[in-house]
Protein backbone atom coordinates (compact mmCIF):
# COMPACT_ATOMS: atom_id res chain seq x y z
CA MET A 1 -43.05 36.76 -39.63
CA LYS A 2 -41.51 33.30 -39.31
CA LYS A 3 -42.24 33.13 -35.60
CA LEU A 4 -45.87 34.09 -36.32
CA ALA A 5 -46.14 31.31 -38.94
CA ILE A 6 -44.72 28.67 -36.61
CA GLY A 7 -47.03 29.89 -33.83
CA PHE A 8 -49.95 29.51 -36.06
CA LEU A 9 -49.00 26.10 -37.11
CA ALA A 10 -48.50 24.99 -33.47
CA ILE A 11 -51.99 26.30 -32.58
CA THR A 12 -53.45 24.56 -35.63
CA LEU A 13 -51.76 21.26 -34.69
CA LEU A 14 -52.97 21.46 -31.03
CA ALA A 15 -56.44 22.21 -32.30
CA LEU A 16 -56.45 19.24 -34.57
CA PHE A 17 -55.48 16.76 -31.89
CA ALA A 18 -57.56 18.34 -29.22
CA MET A 19 -60.83 17.95 -31.40
CA PRO A 20 -63.30 15.33 -30.31
CA ALA A 21 -63.54 12.25 -32.50
CA VAL A 22 -65.43 13.04 -35.60
CA ALA A 23 -66.68 10.35 -38.06
CA GLY A 24 -64.30 10.16 -41.05
CA PHE A 25 -61.80 12.73 -39.63
CA GLU A 26 -58.31 11.49 -38.85
CA PRO A 27 -55.44 13.91 -37.77
CA TYR A 28 -51.90 12.53 -37.72
CA ALA A 29 -48.26 13.62 -37.37
CA SER A 30 -44.80 12.08 -37.93
CA MET A 31 -41.53 13.20 -36.43
CA ARG A 32 -38.34 12.08 -38.18
CA LEU A 33 -34.92 12.86 -36.82
CA ALA A 34 -31.73 11.81 -38.65
CA VAL A 35 -28.55 10.92 -36.61
CA GLY A 36 -25.35 9.82 -38.18
CA TRP A 37 -22.03 10.46 -39.87
CA TRP A 38 -21.83 12.04 -43.38
CA ASP A 39 -18.65 11.90 -45.44
CA THR A 40 -17.98 13.25 -49.01
CA GLU A 41 -14.85 12.61 -51.01
CA PRO A 42 -13.73 14.58 -54.14
CA ASN A 43 -12.73 12.83 -57.37
CA ASP A 44 -9.06 12.30 -58.38
CA THR A 45 -8.74 15.80 -59.82
CA GLY A 46 -10.15 17.52 -56.61
CA THR A 47 -13.63 18.22 -58.00
CA GLY A 48 -16.24 18.02 -55.36
CA ALA A 49 -16.57 18.72 -51.63
CA ASP A 50 -14.13 17.07 -49.18
CA TYR A 51 -15.64 16.99 -45.68
CA ASP A 52 -17.17 14.74 -42.97
CA THR A 53 -19.49 15.77 -40.23
CA ILE A 54 -21.94 14.52 -37.65
CA MET A 55 -25.53 15.29 -38.19
CA VAL A 56 -28.44 15.45 -35.63
CA GLU A 57 -31.24 17.12 -37.67
CA LEU A 58 -34.91 17.21 -38.19
CA GLY A 59 -35.76 15.89 -41.53
CA ASP A 60 -37.73 17.83 -44.13
CA PHE A 61 -40.05 14.79 -44.21
CA SER A 62 -41.41 15.49 -40.78
CA ARG A 63 -45.13 16.34 -41.22
CA PHE A 64 -48.60 16.71 -39.83
CA GLY A 65 -51.95 16.68 -41.44
CA ALA A 66 -55.38 15.22 -41.44
CA LYS A 67 -57.72 13.06 -43.66
CA TRP A 68 -61.47 13.34 -43.90
CA LYS A 69 -63.70 10.82 -45.62
CA GLY A 70 -67.36 11.20 -46.54
CA GLU A 71 -69.70 9.16 -48.69
CA GLU A 72 -68.72 10.82 -51.97
CA LEU A 73 -66.11 13.51 -51.08
CA SER A 74 -62.86 13.02 -49.25
CA GLY A 75 -59.99 15.36 -48.39
CA HIS A 76 -56.36 15.31 -47.40
CA PHE A 77 -54.01 18.08 -46.27
CA GLU A 78 -50.48 17.78 -45.02
CA LEU A 79 -47.86 20.31 -43.96
CA GLY A 80 -44.11 19.61 -43.57
CA LEU A 81 -41.46 21.14 -41.42
CA LYS A 82 -38.29 22.17 -43.13
CA GLY A 83 -35.21 22.41 -40.89
CA ASP A 84 -32.08 24.46 -41.58
CA GLY A 85 -29.80 22.33 -39.44
CA ARG A 86 -29.56 24.99 -36.74
CA GLY A 87 -32.88 24.41 -34.87
CA SER A 88 -35.04 26.80 -37.06
CA ASN A 89 -37.89 25.34 -38.95
CA SER A 90 -40.28 26.64 -41.62
CA ALA A 91 -43.54 25.07 -42.86
CA TYR A 92 -44.38 24.15 -46.40
CA THR A 93 -47.42 22.63 -48.09
CA ARG A 94 -46.92 18.88 -48.99
CA LEU A 95 -50.49 17.76 -49.76
CA LEU A 96 -53.79 19.53 -50.31
CA TYR A 97 -56.36 17.75 -52.45
CA GLY A 98 -59.88 16.45 -52.52
CA THR A 99 -61.42 13.35 -54.17
CA TRP A 100 -64.82 12.91 -55.62
CA LYS A 101 -65.93 9.21 -55.83
CA PHE A 102 -68.56 8.54 -58.46
CA ASN A 103 -70.02 5.48 -60.08
CA GLY A 104 -67.20 3.96 -62.09
CA GLY A 105 -64.18 5.96 -60.78
CA SER A 106 -62.95 8.99 -58.97
CA LEU A 107 -61.74 12.52 -59.69
CA MET A 108 -58.79 13.95 -57.64
CA VAL A 109 -58.21 17.70 -57.61
CA GLY A 110 -55.29 19.55 -55.83
CA GLN A 111 -51.68 19.06 -54.95
CA ASN A 112 -50.62 15.44 -54.66
CA TYR A 113 -47.88 13.09 -55.65
CA ASP A 114 -47.59 12.55 -59.33
CA PRO A 115 -48.62 9.09 -60.80
CA TYR A 116 -45.12 8.10 -61.75
CA THR A 117 -43.68 8.73 -58.30
CA PHE A 118 -42.80 5.46 -56.48
CA ILE A 119 -40.27 5.91 -53.68
CA SER A 120 -37.89 3.38 -52.25
CA ASP A 121 -37.09 2.83 -48.56
CA GLN A 122 -33.66 4.59 -48.54
CA MET A 123 -33.41 6.88 -45.41
CA ALA A 124 -30.06 8.61 -45.98
CA PRO A 125 -29.77 12.46 -46.63
CA ARG A 126 -30.29 13.76 -50.08
CA LEU A 127 -27.12 14.72 -52.08
CA LYS A 128 -27.15 17.65 -54.48
CA ASP A 129 -24.64 19.21 -56.96
CA LEU A 130 -23.82 22.86 -56.49
CA GLY A 131 -21.63 23.77 -59.46
CA GLY A 132 -19.70 20.52 -59.31
CA VAL A 133 -19.53 20.50 -55.53
CA HIS A 134 -21.60 17.64 -54.14
CA VAL A 135 -23.01 18.46 -50.69
CA ARG A 136 -25.87 17.00 -48.61
CA GLU A 137 -29.17 18.80 -48.14
CA ILE A 138 -31.12 18.97 -44.80
CA ASP A 139 -33.20 15.99 -45.72
CA ALA A 140 -33.47 12.76 -43.78
CA GLU A 141 -34.82 10.59 -46.54
CA ASN A 142 -33.57 10.28 -50.17
CA TYR A 143 -35.58 7.32 -51.50
CA PHE A 144 -33.17 7.02 -54.52
CA ILE A 145 -34.36 10.39 -55.68
CA GLY A 146 -32.03 11.22 -58.58
CA TYR A 147 -30.66 7.57 -58.60
CA GLY A 148 -33.47 5.85 -60.39
CA CYS A 149 -36.56 7.12 -58.39
CA LEU A 150 -38.74 9.52 -60.45
CA TRP A 151 -39.40 12.67 -58.48
CA ASP A 152 -40.57 16.14 -59.30
CA SER A 153 -42.08 16.91 -55.92
CA ARG A 154 -45.73 17.10 -55.29
CA GLN A 155 -47.65 19.11 -58.00
CA PRO A 156 -51.05 20.66 -58.55
CA GLN A 157 -53.08 18.40 -60.83
CA ILE A 158 -56.41 16.93 -61.89
CA LYS A 159 -56.49 13.15 -62.08
CA LEU A 160 -59.31 10.96 -63.33
CA THR A 161 -59.12 7.23 -62.26
CA LEU A 162 -61.49 4.54 -63.41
CA ASP A 163 -62.32 1.52 -61.36
CA SER A 164 -60.43 -0.57 -63.86
CA GLY A 165 -57.24 1.17 -62.73
CA LEU A 166 -56.73 3.31 -65.90
CA TYR A 167 -55.96 6.90 -65.10
CA LEU A 168 -55.37 10.29 -66.89
CA ALA A 169 -53.84 13.20 -65.17
CA ALA A 170 -53.29 16.86 -66.09
CA ILE A 171 -50.34 18.24 -64.08
CA GLN A 172 -48.74 21.59 -63.63
CA PRO A 173 -46.13 21.83 -66.46
CA ASP A 174 -42.43 22.45 -65.75
CA PRO A 175 -40.60 25.15 -67.80
CA GLU A 176 -37.16 24.14 -66.38
CA ASP A 177 -34.23 25.46 -68.60
CA GLY A 178 -31.42 23.52 -66.90
CA GLY A 179 -29.00 26.15 -68.04
CA ILE A 180 -29.20 25.19 -71.65
CA GLY A 181 -28.53 28.74 -72.81
CA VAL A 182 -31.96 29.91 -74.17
CA ASP A 183 -35.05 31.44 -72.56
CA LEU A 184 -37.82 29.00 -72.05
CA GLY A 185 -41.39 30.37 -72.04
CA GLU A 186 -44.58 29.12 -70.46
CA ALA A 187 -46.14 25.92 -71.57
CA ASP A 188 -49.24 25.82 -73.88
CA PHE A 189 -50.46 22.56 -72.40
CA PRO A 190 -50.43 20.94 -68.91
CA LYS A 191 -48.11 17.98 -68.30
CA LEU A 192 -50.13 15.04 -69.38
CA CYS A 193 -49.83 11.49 -67.89
CA VAL A 194 -51.78 8.31 -68.68
CA GLY A 195 -51.30 4.94 -67.02
CA TRP A 196 -52.83 1.84 -65.50
CA GLU A 197 -52.62 0.61 -61.89
CA ILE A 198 -52.92 -3.20 -61.69
CA LYS A 199 -53.62 -4.43 -58.17
CA GLN A 200 -53.84 -8.13 -57.31
CA ASP A 201 -52.98 -10.29 -54.37
CA ASN A 202 -49.26 -9.75 -53.61
CA LEU A 203 -48.79 -7.80 -56.91
CA PHE A 204 -48.85 -4.09 -57.84
CA LEU A 205 -47.87 -2.82 -61.28
CA ASN A 206 -48.15 0.70 -62.68
CA PRO A 207 -47.17 1.21 -66.33
CA GLY A 208 -47.53 4.68 -67.75
CA PHE A 209 -46.52 7.52 -70.14
CA ALA A 210 -46.13 11.22 -69.53
CA TRP A 211 -45.44 14.20 -71.75
CA ASN A 212 -44.36 17.89 -71.19
CA GLN A 213 -43.92 20.64 -73.80
CA ILE A 214 -42.61 24.18 -73.45
CA GLN A 215 -41.56 26.88 -75.97
CA ALA A 216 -38.19 28.39 -76.30
CA THR A 217 -37.36 31.68 -78.03
CA GLU A 218 -33.98 33.28 -78.19
CA ALA A 219 -33.51 36.28 -80.51
CA GLY A 220 -30.62 35.79 -82.98
CA VAL A 221 -30.13 32.16 -81.90
CA MET A 222 -33.30 30.21 -82.75
CA ASP A 223 -36.77 30.56 -83.87
CA GLU A 224 -39.68 29.65 -81.62
CA GLU A 225 -39.28 26.04 -80.97
CA ASP A 226 -41.22 23.38 -79.06
CA LEU A 227 -39.06 21.51 -76.51
CA ASP A 228 -40.70 18.15 -75.86
CA SER A 229 -39.83 15.80 -73.02
CA TRP A 230 -41.51 12.46 -72.37
CA LEU A 231 -41.31 9.65 -70.01
CA LEU A 232 -42.05 5.81 -70.13
CA TYR A 233 -42.18 4.20 -66.69
CA LEU A 234 -43.05 0.92 -64.98
CA ASN A 235 -43.35 0.75 -61.18
CA GLY A 236 -44.01 -2.50 -59.37
CA LYS A 237 -44.00 -4.45 -56.13
CA PHE A 238 -44.69 -8.12 -55.47
CA ALA A 239 -44.13 -10.64 -52.70
CA LEU A 240 -41.87 -13.71 -53.18
CA GLY A 241 -42.27 -15.70 -50.04
CA ALA A 242 -39.33 -14.62 -47.98
CA ALA A 243 -38.83 -11.28 -49.55
CA ASP A 244 -40.79 -8.38 -50.99
CA ILE A 245 -39.44 -6.90 -54.25
CA LYS A 246 -40.05 -3.29 -55.16
CA GLY A 247 -38.74 -1.28 -58.09
CA SER A 248 -39.09 1.22 -60.87
CA VAL A 249 -37.63 1.47 -64.37
CA HIS A 250 -37.90 4.38 -66.84
CA TYR A 251 -36.79 5.57 -70.21
CA GLY A 252 -37.36 9.03 -71.60
CA GLN A 253 -36.30 12.18 -73.46
CA ASN A 254 -35.04 15.41 -71.88
CA LEU A 255 -36.13 14.40 -68.38
CA GLY A 256 -34.32 17.38 -66.78
CA ASN A 257 -36.57 19.57 -68.83
CA PHE A 258 -39.56 17.42 -67.87
CA GLY A 259 -38.87 18.48 -64.23
CA LEU A 260 -37.42 15.35 -62.63
CA TRP A 261 -34.92 15.78 -59.91
CA ASN A 262 -31.50 14.84 -61.24
CA ARG A 263 -27.83 15.71 -61.08
CA GLU A 264 -26.79 15.22 -64.75
CA ALA A 265 -26.13 17.94 -67.18
CA ALA A 266 -26.87 15.34 -69.97
CA ALA A 267 -30.46 14.97 -68.74
CA TYR A 268 -31.30 18.33 -70.39
CA ALA A 269 -31.86 19.06 -74.02
CA GLN A 270 -28.98 21.10 -75.59
CA VAL A 271 -28.97 23.80 -78.24
CA ASP A 272 -27.16 23.19 -81.49
CA PHE A 273 -26.23 26.86 -82.21
CA ALA A 274 -25.10 25.87 -85.74
CA ASP A 275 -28.68 25.33 -86.87
CA GLY A 276 -30.78 26.74 -84.02
CA ASP A 277 -32.43 23.37 -83.10
CA PHE A 278 -32.60 21.34 -79.95
CA GLU A 279 -30.48 18.22 -79.57
CA ASP A 280 -32.56 15.75 -77.39
CA SER A 281 -31.09 13.78 -74.55
CA ASP A 282 -31.74 10.15 -73.87
CA CYS A 283 -32.38 9.19 -70.25
CA TYR A 284 -32.90 5.93 -68.42
CA GLY A 285 -32.57 4.34 -65.10
CA GLY A 286 -34.31 2.69 -62.25
CA TYR A 287 -33.93 1.00 -58.80
CA VAL A 288 -34.68 -2.36 -57.20
CA GLN A 289 -34.86 -3.23 -53.57
CA LEU A 290 -35.42 -6.40 -51.51
CA ALA A 291 -37.15 -6.35 -48.10
CA PHE A 292 -36.84 -9.28 -45.75
CA PRO A 293 -39.33 -9.43 -42.91
CA LEU A 294 -37.51 -10.89 -39.94
CA ASP A 295 -39.90 -10.52 -36.99
CA PRO A 296 -39.86 -7.94 -35.48
CA ALA A 297 -37.54 -6.09 -37.74
CA THR A 298 -37.39 -5.61 -41.62
CA ILE A 299 -34.08 -5.74 -43.43
CA THR A 300 -34.06 -3.87 -46.78
CA LEU A 301 -31.25 -3.51 -49.30
CA GLY A 302 -31.35 -1.73 -52.70
CA VAL A 303 -29.47 -0.28 -55.65
CA GLY A 304 -30.43 2.57 -57.90
CA TYR A 305 -28.94 3.71 -61.19
CA THR A 306 -29.58 6.66 -63.66
CA ALA A 307 -27.76 7.70 -66.91
CA SER A 308 -28.25 10.23 -69.68
CA GLU A 309 -26.60 10.89 -73.09
CA ASN A 310 -26.55 13.81 -75.43
CA ASP A 311 -24.60 13.93 -78.70
CA LEU A 312 -23.55 17.54 -78.13
CA LEU A 313 -21.95 16.70 -74.75
CA ALA A 314 -18.76 14.60 -74.63
CA ASP A 315 -19.52 13.01 -78.03
CA GLY A 316 -22.57 11.38 -76.54
CA ASP A 317 -20.74 9.49 -73.78
CA GLU A 318 -22.89 8.23 -70.92
CA ASP A 319 -23.20 10.44 -67.79
CA ASP A 320 -24.29 8.08 -65.02
CA GLN A 321 -24.36 7.54 -61.24
CA MET A 322 -25.52 5.03 -58.63
CA SER A 323 -26.44 4.59 -55.05
CA TYR A 324 -26.77 1.64 -52.67
CA PHE A 325 -28.15 1.19 -49.25
CA VAL A 326 -28.88 -1.37 -46.55
CA ASN A 327 -31.11 -0.67 -43.51
CA ALA A 328 -33.22 -2.25 -40.80
CA LYS A 329 -36.56 -1.03 -39.63
CA ILE A 330 -36.73 -1.91 -35.95
CA PRO A 331 -39.84 -1.20 -33.86
CA PHE A 332 -39.06 -0.03 -30.32
CA ALA A 333 -42.66 0.58 -29.42
CA ASP A 334 -46.09 1.18 -31.08
CA ASN A 335 -45.48 3.66 -33.81
CA PHE A 336 -41.84 4.26 -32.84
CA TRP A 337 -39.07 2.92 -35.13
CA VAL A 338 -35.35 3.23 -35.27
CA ILE A 339 -33.88 2.66 -38.77
CA PRO A 340 -30.09 2.23 -38.84
CA GLU A 341 -28.73 2.48 -42.35
CA PHE A 342 -25.54 2.64 -44.51
CA SER A 343 -25.89 4.35 -47.86
CA TYR A 344 -23.29 4.93 -50.51
CA TYR A 345 -23.27 7.35 -53.52
CA ASP A 346 -21.08 6.73 -56.52
CA HIS A 347 -21.11 9.42 -59.23
CA GLY A 348 -19.11 7.36 -61.74
CA ASP A 349 -17.68 8.93 -64.91
CA ASP A 350 -18.50 12.58 -65.77
CA PRO A 351 -17.78 12.85 -69.50
CA VAL A 352 -19.72 16.08 -69.71
CA ASN A 353 -17.04 17.90 -67.68
CA SER A 354 -14.21 15.75 -69.12
CA VAL A 355 -13.41 14.41 -65.70
CA ASP A 356 -13.02 10.68 -64.85
CA GLU A 357 -15.01 10.30 -61.73
CA ALA A 358 -14.70 6.52 -61.45
CA ASP A 359 -13.10 6.98 -58.08
CA GLY A 360 -15.21 10.00 -57.04
CA PRO A 361 -16.80 12.18 -56.05
CA GLU A 362 -18.23 9.70 -53.64
CA ALA A 363 -20.23 10.02 -50.41
CA TRP A 364 -21.55 7.76 -47.69
CA PHE A 365 -23.80 8.03 -44.71
CA ALA A 366 -23.85 5.77 -41.63
CA GLY A 367 -26.48 6.38 -38.98
CA ALA A 368 -30.08 6.04 -38.16
CA LEU A 369 -33.57 7.61 -38.64
CA LEU A 370 -35.73 7.95 -35.58
CA ARG A 371 -39.34 7.98 -36.49
CA MET A 372 -42.35 8.55 -34.29
CA ASP A 373 -45.90 8.61 -35.69
CA PHE A 374 -48.82 10.08 -33.76
């Protein structure tokens, strides 16, 4: 079945690029290969993985797709290739949406990035937590996801945007339980997001607010309760002569239940079994990066941070983590870049598990991303 799917995708890709030029139709593809050394160190108590390895892997962010633009309607689809590290790849849907442009604004319908997503330029592989063991995933680009970059993948949604920059989106809700110990049911409402995109010369700002609600019912533990999670965010980018500054800051409640990708137990609401109520978690973080254009290359460095607190976990102590990177985007030819990078992950203290992780678990990546766009 997998071979059939890959064969179909190959035929589709060949057909796209073999088509004669059509007004408003633009096929494209991007190959991204990660090459480098990955090292993970456990903390002082031995918690976490302890290994180092070379990686030469096709990143999950390799993709192909096409855009079409008409007078009122436009469309965009994009498929990704997910590698398993052993040369076998599977396809997945990244983007599939259409946009209707009308007098005064536009209406976007389909699967797209959420309005609060604003990725950095970090290229190192993603790090995930498997029961306290931190390991890398087969990804080539992390973008500070989980370290200050807001990310819950690309979701089905309806988004209304006015020409003034104001927008309102109804997004697929997330009933994530986060292992909090109760059954979480379906949501009664879509995830709602409202914000404003401010675009001026050398300046972009995007403040916004988002809300998600799900119901929880656990016989003998708690009555039917609404579990609310919400997010305040500000994304921005502006030029300061010799450098471009890009960043994002956020503050919210129960952002694990909201659906944001994270590695912190304290990012999820907890159940106070004494009275059958939820104890909400406070979550905050962000990232900032500086990019220095030095013809022909661009040097970028950044730092990301995220933290969560819940009064039922470790007496409300802060559960936090950070990441740092420096890279250089070097053009070798038209649409061919080599991006050497060093990234470091520091998982700080873990009061939730009563482990002092000031000296670990830690991880670093030294290598390069090879990117070709077609």
